[in-house]
């Protein structure tokens, strides 16, 4: 994981390998329903089974992002091969087979505002190619965890990916005690 070849593959190759030219299984009605439910502070977990990452990331989901607004421009913050990324919800939906919106249980409005502020404040972050918990560098599900604090989310940080260190995957967020499913494109 510390070689320049690994870093090159992680940033420039793996995110772009697809097994088909077709994109998302999500249609317009599903997108509109999901978007109507999405609120700032929500966490979004996704999977695109047509991408190489679906084989490399352990668990049911391969990516996570956090909703920071619904302004049509910078709606989601996520960690990608391009580091901290500002995107809109449509970008997530058009490239994934399944999108799940997770709400934080018993979150007050003040806690939501603080989590969004913290998430936006991490705009300087680089992608964590070593998957080490901390804020020096972040990976997608870690961005959500750090923004909300694990005390609120209560995700399992066991070594699920066999990295030899604590790790939180998008699937760990999906299964976390402090989160609940608000909407799932699979059930729309």
Protein backbone atom coordinates (compact mmCIF):
# COMPACT_ATOMS: atom_id res chain seq x y z
CA UNK A 1 0.00 0.00 0.00
CA UNK A 2 2.98 2.31 0.25
CA UNK A 3 4.33 1.97 -3.29
CA UNK A 4 3.95 4.58 -5.99
CA UNK A 5 2.34 1.93 -8.23
CA UNK A 6 -0.38 1.29 -5.62
CA UNK A 7 -1.01 5.03 -5.33
CA UNK A 8 -1.18 5.42 -9.11
CA UNK A 9 -3.65 2.52 -9.45
CA UNK A 10 -5.79 3.81 -6.56
CA UNK A 11 -6.01 7.36 -7.93
CA UNK A 12 -5.84 6.96 -11.72
CA UNK A 13 -6.99 3.46 -12.70
CA UNK A 14 -9.27 1.58 -10.27
CA UNK A 15 -11.97 4.29 -10.00
CA UNK A 16 -12.44 4.28 -13.76
CA UNK A 17 -12.57 0.55 -14.53
CA UNK A 18 -16.11 -0.45 -15.50
CA UNK A 19 -17.38 -3.75 -16.79
CA UNK A 20 -19.97 -2.15 -19.09
CA UNK A 21 -20.67 1.10 -20.89
CA UNK A 22 -24.12 1.35 -19.28
CA UNK A 23 -24.59 3.35 -16.15
CA UNK A 24 -27.09 3.44 -13.34
CA UNK A 25 -30.08 1.23 -12.78
CA UNK A 26 -31.81 4.19 -11.07
CA UNK A 27 -34.55 5.78 -13.16
CA UNK A 28 -35.93 9.33 -13.04
CA UNK A 29 -38.85 8.49 -10.75
CA UNK A 30 -36.54 6.84 -8.23
CA UNK A 31 -34.15 9.80 -8.38
CA UNK A 32 -36.97 12.30 -7.81
CA UNK A 33 -38.33 10.29 -4.85
CA UNK A 34 -34.88 9.95 -3.29
CA UNK A 35 -34.14 13.66 -3.79
CA UNK A 36 -37.42 14.64 -2.14
CA UNK A 37 -36.38 12.67 0.97
CA UNK A 38 -32.72 13.80 1.10
CA UNK A 39 -31.92 16.41 3.78
CA UNK A 40 -28.71 18.14 4.82
CA UNK A 41 -26.96 16.01 7.42
CA UNK A 42 -28.01 12.72 5.81
CA UNK A 43 -25.46 10.11 4.82
CA UNK A 44 -25.72 8.46 1.42
CA UNK A 45 -24.26 4.99 0.77
CA UNK A 46 -24.05 3.54 -2.72
CA UNK A 47 -22.91 0.64 -4.85
CA UNK A 48 -22.22 0.39 -8.56
CA UNK A 49 -21.88 -3.31 -9.33
CA UNK A 50 -20.52 -2.49 -12.76
CA UNK A 51 -17.29 -1.01 -11.32
CA UNK A 52 -14.11 -2.71 -10.21
CA UNK A 53 -14.44 -1.10 -6.77
CA UNK A 54 -17.47 -3.31 -6.09
CA UNK A 55 -15.08 -6.27 -6.08
CA UNK A 56 -12.39 -4.55 -4.01
CA UNK A 57 -14.35 -2.81 -1.25
CA UNK A 58 -15.71 -5.33 1.26
CA UNK A 59 -19.42 -5.31 2.05
CA UNK A 60 -22.68 -4.51 0.34
CA UNK A 61 -21.87 -0.83 -0.31
CA UNK A 62 -18.73 0.69 -1.81
CA UNK A 63 -19.08 4.44 -1.33
CA UNK A 64 -20.42 6.99 1.15
CA UNK A 65 -21.07 10.71 1.04
CA UNK A 66 -22.68 13.32 3.27
CA UNK A 67 -25.41 15.76 2.27
CA UNK A 68 -24.36 19.32 3.16
CA UNK A 69 -27.11 21.25 1.31
CA UNK A 70 -29.81 21.01 -1.35
CA UNK A 71 -28.76 23.91 -3.54
CA UNK A 72 -28.19 21.99 -6.79
CA UNK A 73 -24.46 22.76 -6.86
CA UNK A 74 -22.65 21.55 -3.72
CA UNK A 75 -25.10 19.09 -2.18
CA UNK A 76 -22.78 16.23 -1.22
CA UNK A 77 -19.29 16.08 0.19
CA UNK A 78 -17.35 12.94 -0.55
CA UNK A 79 -13.82 11.59 -0.63
CA UNK A 80 -12.91 10.24 -4.04
CA UNK A 81 -9.80 9.62 -6.10
CA UNK A 82 -9.89 13.41 -6.64
CA UNK A 83 -9.65 13.96 -2.84
CA UNK A 84 -12.42 16.03 -1.15
CA UNK A 85 -15.13 16.35 -3.77
CA UNK A 86 -18.14 18.66 -3.92
CA UNK A 87 -20.94 17.12 -5.96
CA UNK A 88 -24.67 17.11 -6.46
CA UNK A 89 -27.02 14.25 -5.66
CA UNK A 90 -27.70 13.64 -9.34
CA UNK A 91 -24.01 12.80 -9.87
CA UNK A 92 -24.24 10.06 -7.27
CA UNK A 93 -27.47 8.61 -8.66
CA UNK A 94 -26.43 8.56 -12.30
CA UNK A 95 -23.42 6.34 -11.59
CA UNK A 96 -24.79 3.83 -9.08
CA UNK A 97 -27.08 0.82 -9.08
CA UNK A 98 -28.31 1.36 -5.54
CA UNK A 99 -28.51 4.48 -3.41
CA UNK A 100 -29.54 4.48 0.24
CA UNK A 101 -30.20 7.61 2.29
CA UNK A 102 -29.44 7.25 6.00
CA UNK A 103 -30.65 9.63 8.67
CA UNK A 104 -29.01 10.12 12.06
CA UNK A 105 -31.27 8.95 14.90
CA UNK A 106 -32.36 11.58 17.39
CA UNK A 107 -30.19 14.30 15.82
CA UNK A 108 -31.10 17.79 16.86
CA UNK A 109 -31.01 20.69 14.42
CA UNK A 110 -27.93 22.04 16.23
CA UNK A 111 -26.14 18.69 15.84
CA UNK A 112 -26.99 18.61 12.12
CA UNK A 113 -25.66 22.14 11.62
CA UNK A 114 -22.46 21.26 13.53
CA UNK A 115 -21.91 18.06 11.49
CA UNK A 116 -22.45 19.91 8.20
CA UNK A 117 -20.10 22.70 9.28
CA UNK A 118 -17.46 20.15 10.27
CA UNK A 119 -17.87 18.25 6.98
CA UNK A 120 -17.54 21.44 4.92
CA UNK A 121 -14.55 22.43 7.04
CA UNK A 122 -12.67 19.33 5.91
CA UNK A 123 -12.48 20.63 2.34
CA UNK A 124 -8.68 20.64 2.57
CA UNK A 125 -8.54 16.86 3.14
CA UNK A 126 -6.68 14.50 0.84
CA UNK A 127 -7.80 10.95 0.08
CA UNK A 128 -6.47 8.45 2.61
CA UNK A 129 -4.84 5.70 0.60
CA UNK A 130 -3.80 3.87 3.77
CA UNK A 131 -7.32 3.84 5.31
CA UNK A 132 -6.12 4.99 8.72
CA UNK A 133 -8.72 6.57 11.01
CA UNK A 134 -7.95 10.21 11.79
CA UNK A 135 -8.33 13.56 10.05
CA UNK A 136 -4.86 13.88 8.47
CA UNK A 137 -6.36 12.22 5.35
CA UNK A 138 -9.82 10.72 4.88
CA UNK A 139 -11.62 8.05 2.90
CA UNK A 140 -15.33 8.25 2.01
CA UNK A 141 -17.02 6.58 4.97
CA UNK A 142 -14.50 8.10 7.37
CA UNK A 143 -15.51 11.60 6.20
CA UNK A 144 -19.09 10.87 7.31
CA UNK A 145 -17.95 9.32 10.60
CA UNK A 146 -15.63 12.23 11.45
CA UNK A 147 -18.28 14.81 10.52
CA UNK A 148 -20.90 13.29 12.81
CA UNK A 149 -18.55 11.83 15.43
CA UNK A 150 -18.71 8.11 16.03
CA UNK A 151 -20.51 8.66 19.36
CA UNK A 152 -23.60 9.68 17.37
CA UNK A 153 -23.29 7.12 14.57
CA UNK A 154 -21.93 4.20 16.63
CA UNK A 155 -20.36 2.35 13.70
CA UNK A 156 -18.42 -0.86 14.10
CA UNK A 157 -14.72 -0.03 13.72
CA UNK A 158 -13.43 -3.60 13.71
CA UNK A 159 -10.92 -4.66 11.11
CA UNK A 160 -13.58 -5.80 8.62
CA UNK A 161 -11.28 -5.26 5.63
CA UNK A 162 -8.30 -7.11 7.19
CA UNK A 163 -6.11 -4.01 7.09
CA UNK A 164 -4.65 -4.66 10.54
CA UNK A 165 -6.24 -1.48 11.95
CA UNK A 166 -9.68 -0.06 12.78
CA UNK A 167 -11.71 0.66 9.64
CA UNK A 168 -15.21 1.93 8.85
CA UNK A 169 -16.72 0.87 5.53
CA UNK A 170 -19.83 2.22 3.79
CA UNK A 171 -21.52 -1.04 4.84
CA UNK A 172 -20.53 -0.34 8.47
CA UNK A 173 -22.36 2.98 8.19
CA UNK A 174 -25.40 1.23 6.72
CA UNK A 175 -25.42 -1.15 9.70
CA UNK A 176 -24.56 1.46 12.38
CA UNK A 177 -26.82 1.70 15.43
CA UNK A 178 -27.07 5.48 15.23
CA UNK A 179 -28.37 5.57 11.64
CA UNK A 180 -31.68 4.57 10.09
CA UNK A 181 -32.79 4.00 6.50
CA UNK A 182 -34.83 6.92 5.17
CA UNK A 183 -34.97 5.67 1.57
CA UNK A 184 -33.50 2.85 -0.52
CA UNK A 185 -33.64 2.92 -4.32
CA UNK A 186 -34.02 -0.87 -4.25
CA UNK A 187 -37.44 -0.50 -2.62
CA UNK A 188 -38.81 2.43 -4.64
